[in-house]
Amino acid sequence: MKIAILSRNARLYSTRRLVEAARERGHVVRVLDPLRCYMRIGPGSFEMHCGGKRLHGFDAVIPRIGASITFYGTAVVRQFEKMGAFTPNDADAILRARDKLRALQMLAAEGLDLPTTVFGDNPEDSNDLLAMLGEPPHVLKLNEGAQGQGVLLAEKRSASLGMIEAFRALYANFIVQEFIGEAKGADLRCFVIGERVVAAMQRQAPEGDFRANLHRGGSASAVELSAAEQAVALRATRTLGLGIAGVDLLRSARGPLVLEVNSSPGLEGIEAASGVDVAGEIIDHLAAQVQRKSPAERSRSRRSQ
């Protein structure tokens, strides 16, 4: 199998582990910077180049698309799709997951529980917006933030109003959510591949913070998920159309709540905490999916590239 990994930095842990796992299994793998990929689109014809050379013959593509390059990165993923390569997370699924508000609307429509969320635009509506949400504390989040960036806790109503005013002054899109106090600064990261939760960890926020992200100084440990938690993680992944996802859950008094679904979850923390070869699981999943294609389909995919 010939695999392309779309990543801005080949030295990142997640990218290195995927390369290692692919090569250990005898696959050919190439890391491509999506911003160096460029394309030609014509009637029934899709072509991709990188660094002056044509890209062809790829059976599968693993997108590691950061938030800052969402538009261009998903265009590259979509071009590979049109060229017949398999990807576990297609461009549209990545876009659905990256937009927090859209993702929450889709999850809620499927009956999945999540922290109550409000969203509005006009400053004159801020008081009523917070009344719809309920009493503080409130959590404010940038709609396309990542790794805990742009996430703030307001413990008083006046603080919520001040933060809303500040975000609007920056023309930022943001949501406001209820604070789940019983979670005690901890969340669950469930790593979903296909129809399985292959690994899980509990992340704990550092003292004085409420964000459990490892990039914000949180700690991680192995955790046993309940059947209900696994079911919620799988449903959330399917709802957004993802084949690989990091689903973040909160343990609450009313059961597991979906906090976020990440289409490019990191491997370092989850592999260290769980002891699972997650990179290997990803490569095995790709191989199984590509193998399901008929020889004629695989031949057509290579010719189209």
Protein backbone atom coordinates (compact mmCIF):
# COMPACT_ATOMS: atom_id res chain seq x y z
CA MET A 1 0.00 0.00 0.00
CA LYS A 2 1.22 3.51 -0.83
CA ILE A 3 0.23 6.07 1.82
CA ALA A 4 0.41 9.86 1.91
CA ILE A 5 0.43 11.63 5.28
CA LEU A 6 -0.60 15.27 5.02
CA SER A 7 1.38 17.10 7.70
CA ARG A 8 3.18 20.44 7.94
CA ASN A 9 5.97 18.92 10.04
CA ALA A 10 7.43 15.45 9.52
CA ARG A 11 9.17 15.64 12.92
CA LEU A 12 5.95 15.83 14.95
CA TYR A 13 5.38 12.80 17.17
CA SER A 14 2.08 11.80 15.54
CA THR A 15 3.52 12.05 12.04
CA ARG A 16 6.69 10.11 12.96
CA ARG A 17 4.70 7.33 14.61
CA LEU A 18 2.45 6.91 11.60
CA VAL A 19 5.48 6.71 9.30
CA GLU A 20 7.13 4.13 11.59
CA ALA A 21 3.98 2.02 11.84
CA ALA A 22 3.45 2.06 8.08
CA ARG A 23 7.04 1.06 7.29
CA GLU A 24 7.04 -1.67 9.95
CA ARG A 25 4.14 -3.21 8.05
CA GLY A 26 5.89 -3.00 4.69
CA HIS A 27 3.97 -0.06 3.25
CA VAL A 28 5.41 2.82 1.26
CA VAL A 29 4.72 6.13 2.98
CA ARG A 30 5.43 9.76 2.12
CA VAL A 31 4.88 12.86 4.25
CA LEU A 32 3.50 15.78 2.24
CA ASP A 33 3.14 19.37 3.37
CA PRO A 34 -0.43 20.19 2.25
CA LEU A 35 0.55 23.81 1.58
CA ARG A 36 3.13 22.59 -0.95
CA CYS A 37 0.53 20.52 -2.80
CA TYR A 38 -1.19 22.18 -5.75
CA MET A 39 -3.76 20.88 -8.15
CA ARG A 40 -5.22 20.92 -11.62
CA ILE A 41 -8.98 20.43 -12.00
CA GLY A 42 -10.63 19.71 -15.33
CA PRO A 43 -13.70 17.85 -16.64
CA GLY A 44 -13.31 14.36 -15.18
CA SER A 45 -9.62 15.06 -14.57
CA PHE A 46 -7.84 15.66 -11.24
CA GLU A 47 -4.09 16.11 -10.93
CA MET A 48 -1.85 16.92 -7.95
CA HIS A 49 1.76 18.12 -7.83
CA CYS A 50 4.16 18.80 -4.97
CA GLY A 51 7.54 20.50 -5.37
CA GLY A 52 7.36 20.27 -9.15
CA LYS A 53 6.59 16.54 -9.24
CA ARG A 54 3.30 14.81 -9.94
CA LEU A 55 1.76 12.81 -7.11
CA HIS A 56 0.28 9.51 -8.23
CA GLY A 57 -0.42 5.95 -7.17
CA PHE A 58 -1.50 6.65 -3.58
CA ASP A 59 -3.90 4.11 -2.12
CA ALA A 60 -4.66 6.03 1.07
CA VAL A 61 -4.25 9.47 2.61
CA ILE A 62 -4.05 10.33 6.31
CA PRO A 63 -4.97 14.00 6.86
CA ARG A 64 -3.25 15.80 9.73
CA ILE A 65 -4.81 19.18 8.97
CA GLY A 66 -4.25 21.95 11.52
CA ALA A 67 -6.89 24.57 12.26
CA SER A 68 -4.86 27.38 10.67
CA ILE A 69 -4.89 25.70 7.23
CA THR A 70 -8.39 24.22 7.25
CA PHE A 71 -9.55 25.73 3.94
CA TYR A 72 -6.49 24.83 1.86
CA GLY A 73 -5.85 21.54 3.66
CA THR A 74 -9.35 20.22 3.06
CA ALA A 75 -9.12 21.23 -0.62
CA VAL A 76 -6.03 19.00 -0.90
CA VAL A 77 -7.81 16.13 0.88
CA ARG A 78 -10.79 16.51 -1.46
CA GLN A 79 -8.51 16.42 -4.51
CA PHE A 80 -6.99 13.14 -3.32
CA GLU A 81 -10.51 11.79 -2.83
CA LYS A 82 -11.40 12.70 -6.43
CA MET A 83 -8.23 10.92 -7.54
CA GLY A 84 -9.50 7.70 -5.94
CA ALA A 85 -7.40 7.55 -2.76
CA PHE A 86 -9.07 6.30 0.42
CA THR A 87 -9.10 8.63 3.41
CA PRO A 88 -10.59 7.78 6.81
CA ASN A 89 -11.63 11.41 7.29
CA ASP A 90 -12.89 13.07 4.14
CA ALA A 91 -12.78 16.82 3.59
CA ASP A 92 -16.42 17.45 4.49
CA ALA A 93 -16.15 15.46 7.73
CA ILE A 94 -13.07 17.46 8.74
CA LEU A 95 -14.98 20.70 8.09
CA ARG A 96 -17.94 19.50 10.15
CA ALA A 97 -15.74 18.63 13.12
CA ARG A 98 -13.63 21.80 12.89
CA ASP A 99 -16.71 24.06 13.22
CA LYS A 100 -17.65 23.55 16.89
CA LEU A 101 -21.09 25.12 16.55
CA ARG A 102 -22.04 23.06 13.50
CA ALA A 103 -20.77 19.88 15.15
CA LEU A 104 -22.76 20.54 18.32
CA GLN A 105 -25.91 21.16 16.30
CA MET A 106 -25.46 17.85 14.48
CA LEU A 107 -24.71 15.92 17.68
CA ALA A 108 -27.70 17.44 19.48
CA ALA A 109 -29.96 16.59 16.54
CA GLU A 110 -28.95 12.94 17.00
CA GLY A 111 -29.96 13.08 20.67
CA LEU A 112 -26.42 13.04 22.06
CA ASP A 113 -26.11 14.92 25.35
CA LEU A 114 -23.69 17.81 25.63
CA PRO A 115 -23.16 20.95 27.73
CA THR A 116 -25.99 23.40 27.07
CA THR A 117 -24.72 25.89 24.50
CA VAL A 118 -25.83 29.35 23.35
CA PHE A 119 -24.74 31.42 20.37
CA GLY A 120 -25.68 34.93 19.29
CA ASP A 121 -24.38 37.94 17.39
CA ASN A 122 -25.99 41.18 18.53
CA PRO A 123 -24.62 42.85 21.72
CA GLU A 124 -28.14 43.95 22.62
CA ASP A 125 -29.09 40.29 23.08
CA SER A 126 -26.27 39.32 25.46
CA ASN A 127 -28.34 39.48 28.65
CA ASP A 128 -31.11 37.33 27.22
CA LEU A 129 -28.54 34.98 25.70
CA LEU A 130 -27.06 34.31 29.14
CA ALA A 131 -30.56 33.98 30.62
CA MET A 132 -31.17 31.17 28.10
CA LEU A 133 -28.02 29.44 29.35
CA GLY A 134 -28.55 29.82 33.08
CA GLU A 135 -26.48 30.92 36.04
CA PRO A 136 -22.65 31.08 35.90
CA PRO A 137 -19.99 29.78 35.80
CA HIS A 138 -19.98 29.93 31.99
CA VAL A 139 -17.39 28.63 29.53
CA LEU A 140 -16.63 30.78 26.45
CA LYS A 141 -14.96 29.11 23.45
CA LEU A 142 -13.74 30.36 20.12
CA ASN A 143 -15.63 28.42 17.46
CA GLU A 144 -12.48 27.13 15.75
CA GLY A 145 -9.99 27.10 18.61
CA ALA A 146 -7.81 24.07 19.34
CA GLN A 147 -5.77 22.58 22.18
CA GLY A 148 -7.54 24.70 24.77
CA GLN A 149 -6.73 28.01 23.07
CA GLY A 150 -9.53 30.56 23.19
CA VAL A 151 -11.34 28.80 26.07
CA LEU A 152 -12.20 30.97 29.08
CA LEU A 153 -14.11 30.48 32.32
CA ALA A 154 -16.35 33.25 33.64
CA GLU A 155 -17.41 32.72 37.25
CA LYS A 156 -19.75 35.71 37.43
CA ARG A 157 -22.39 37.05 35.06
CA SER A 158 -20.54 40.36 34.77
CA ALA A 159 -17.39 38.49 33.71
CA SER A 160 -19.38 36.58 31.08
CA LEU A 161 -20.72 39.85 29.66
CA GLY A 162 -17.23 41.38 29.65
CA MET A 163 -15.71 38.42 27.82
CA ILE A 164 -18.56 38.39 25.29
CA GLU A 165 -17.95 42.08 24.66
CA ALA A 166 -14.21 41.47 24.20
CA PHE A 167 -14.72 38.59 21.76
CA ARG A 168 -17.20 40.63 19.73
CA ALA A 169 -14.76 43.55 19.59
CA LEU A 170 -12.32 41.15 17.90
CA TYR A 171 -15.04 39.98 15.44
CA ALA A 172 -14.52 36.44 16.73
CA ASN A 173 -17.07 33.66 16.40
CA PHE A 174 -17.60 32.02 19.78
CA ILE A 175 -20.02 29.92 21.78
CA VAL A 176 -20.97 30.02 25.47
CA GLN A 177 -21.60 26.81 27.41
CA GLU A 178 -22.66 25.67 30.84
CA PHE A 179 -19.84 24.71 33.20
CA ILE A 180 -19.92 21.09 34.36
CA GLY A 181 -18.61 21.42 37.89
CA GLU A 182 -18.88 17.73 38.83
CA ALA A 183 -16.28 16.88 36.15
CA LYS A 184 -13.73 18.51 38.50
CA GLY A 185 -11.42 19.62 35.71
CA ALA A 186 -11.19 16.17 34.11
CA ASP A 187 -12.31 14.86 30.75
CA LEU A 188 -12.05 11.62 28.79
CA ARG A 189 -10.32 11.31 25.42
CA CYS A 190 -11.72 8.37 23.47
CA PHE A 191 -9.72 7.41 20.37
CA VAL A 192 -12.08 5.97 17.78
CA ILE A 193 -10.93 4.09 14.68
CA GLY A 194 -13.67 2.70 12.47
CA GLU A 195 -16.25 1.05 14.71
CA ARG A 196 -14.02 0.66 17.79
CA VAL A 197 -12.74 2.75 20.65
CA VAL A 198 -9.14 1.50 20.51
CA ALA A 199 -7.74 3.55 23.41
CA ALA A 200 -8.84 5.98 26.11
CA MET A 201 -7.31 8.24 28.71
CA GLN A 202 -8.47 10.59 31.42
CA ARG A 203 -6.98 14.08 31.30
CA GLN A 204 -6.81 16.17 34.45
CA ALA A 205 -6.43 19.95 34.44
CA PRO A 206 -3.49 21.39 36.40
CA GLU A 207 -4.25 23.10 39.70
CA GLY A 208 -5.83 26.50 39.16
CA ASP A 209 -7.09 25.69 35.65
CA PHE A 210 -10.21 23.97 34.32
CA ARG A 211 -8.84 22.96 30.89
CA ALA A 212 -7.60 19.38 30.79
CA ASN A 213 -5.71 19.70 27.47
CA LEU A 214 -2.21 18.23 27.67
CA HIS A 215 -0.90 21.26 25.74
CA ARG A 216 -2.14 23.41 28.65
CA GLY A 217 -0.24 21.41 31.26
CA GLY A 218 -2.85 18.74 31.99
CA SER A 219 -1.87 15.20 33.01
CA ALA A 220 -3.09 11.93 31.50
CA SER A 221 -3.72 8.44 32.81
CA ALA A 222 -5.30 5.25 31.50
CA VAL A 223 -9.02 4.90 32.10
CA GLU A 224 -11.66 2.21 31.71
CA LEU A 225 -14.67 3.46 29.77
CA SER A 226 -18.18 2.36 30.55
CA ALA A 227 -20.31 0.77 27.85
CA ALA A 228 -22.37 3.98 27.72
CA GLU A 229 -19.26 6.13 27.24
CA GLN A 230 -18.00 3.92 24.41
CA ALA A 231 -21.41 4.01 22.74
CA VAL A 232 -21.55 7.83 22.92
CA ALA A 233 -18.03 8.15 21.45
CA LEU A 234 -18.92 5.87 18.54
CA ARG A 235 -22.23 7.65 17.86
CA ALA A 236 -20.54 11.06 17.88
CA THR A 237 -17.89 9.86 15.42
CA ARG A 238 -20.48 8.39 13.06
CA THR A 239 -22.68 11.49 13.27
CA LEU A 240 -19.89 13.68 11.91
CA GLY A 241 -18.91 11.11 9.28
CA LEU A 242 -15.40 10.51 10.62
CA GLY A 243 -13.45 7.26 10.43
CA ILE A 244 -10.82 8.37 12.95
CA ALA A 245 -11.60 10.75 15.80
CA GLY A 246 -10.64 11.87 19.26
CA VAL A 247 -13.92 12.26 21.14
CA ASP A 248 -13.75 14.27 24.36
CA LEU A 249 -16.37 13.43 26.99
CA LEU A 250 -17.24 14.81 30.39
CA ARG A 251 -18.56 12.62 33.19
CA SER A 252 -21.58 14.45 34.57
CA ALA A 253 -24.47 13.80 36.92
CA ARG A 254 -26.69 13.17 33.90
CA GLY A 255 -24.27 10.82 32.15
CA PRO A 256 -21.52 11.25 29.53
CA LEU A 257 -21.54 14.59 27.71
CA VAL A 258 -19.84 15.20 24.36
CA LEU A 259 -17.45 18.09 24.73
CA GLU A 260 -15.74 18.01 21.34
CA VAL A 261 -14.88 15.73 18.40
CA ASN A 262 -11.38 16.16 16.97
CA SER A 263 -10.64 15.02 13.40
CA SER A 264 -6.82 15.13 13.85
CA PRO A 265 -6.26 13.78 17.37
CA GLY A 266 -2.68 13.63 18.61
CA LEU A 267 -1.06 10.28 19.34
CA GLU A 268 1.61 11.10 21.90
CA GLY A 269 -0.56 11.47 24.99
CA ILE A 270 -2.94 8.62 24.22
CA GLU A 271 -0.17 6.14 23.36
CA ALA A 272 1.80 7.00 26.49
CA ALA A 273 -1.21 6.84 28.80
CA SER A 274 -2.89 3.74 27.35
CA GLY A 275 0.08 1.72 26.11
CA VAL A 276 -1.81 1.04 22.87
CA ASP A 277 -0.05 1.18 19.50
CA VAL A 278 -2.60 3.65 18.12
CA ALA A 279 -0.49 4.47 15.05
CA GLY A 280 -0.41 0.78 14.15
CA GLU A 281 -4.17 0.52 14.62
CA ILE A 282 -4.64 3.42 12.17
CA ILE A 283 -2.42 1.82 9.52
CA ASP A 284 -4.15 -1.56 9.92
CA HIS A 285 -7.52 0.16 9.50
CA LEU A 286 -6.36 1.83 6.30
CA ALA A 287 -5.04 -1.45 4.91
CA ALA A 288 -8.33 -3.22 5.65
CA GLN A 289 -10.38 -0.49 3.99
CA VAL A 290 -8.18 -0.36 0.88
CA GLN A 291 -8.22 -4.15 0.63
CA ARG A 292 -12.02 -4.05 0.49
CA LYS A 293 -11.78 -2.32 -2.87
CA SER A 294 -11.89 -4.68 -5.82
CA PRO A 295 -8.70 -5.07 -7.91
CA ALA A 296 -10.45 -3.15 -10.71
CA GLU A 297 -11.27 -0.26 -8.35
CA ARG A 298 -7.68 -0.10 -7.08
CA SER A 299 -6.39 -0.13 -10.65
CA ARG A 300 -8.73 2.72 -11.65
CA SER A 301 -7.63 4.75 -8.61
CA ARG A 302 -3.96 4.43 -9.57
CA ARG A 303 -4.64 5.31 -13.22
CA SER A 304 -6.63 8.40 -12.21
CA GLN A 305 -3.57 9.68 -10.32
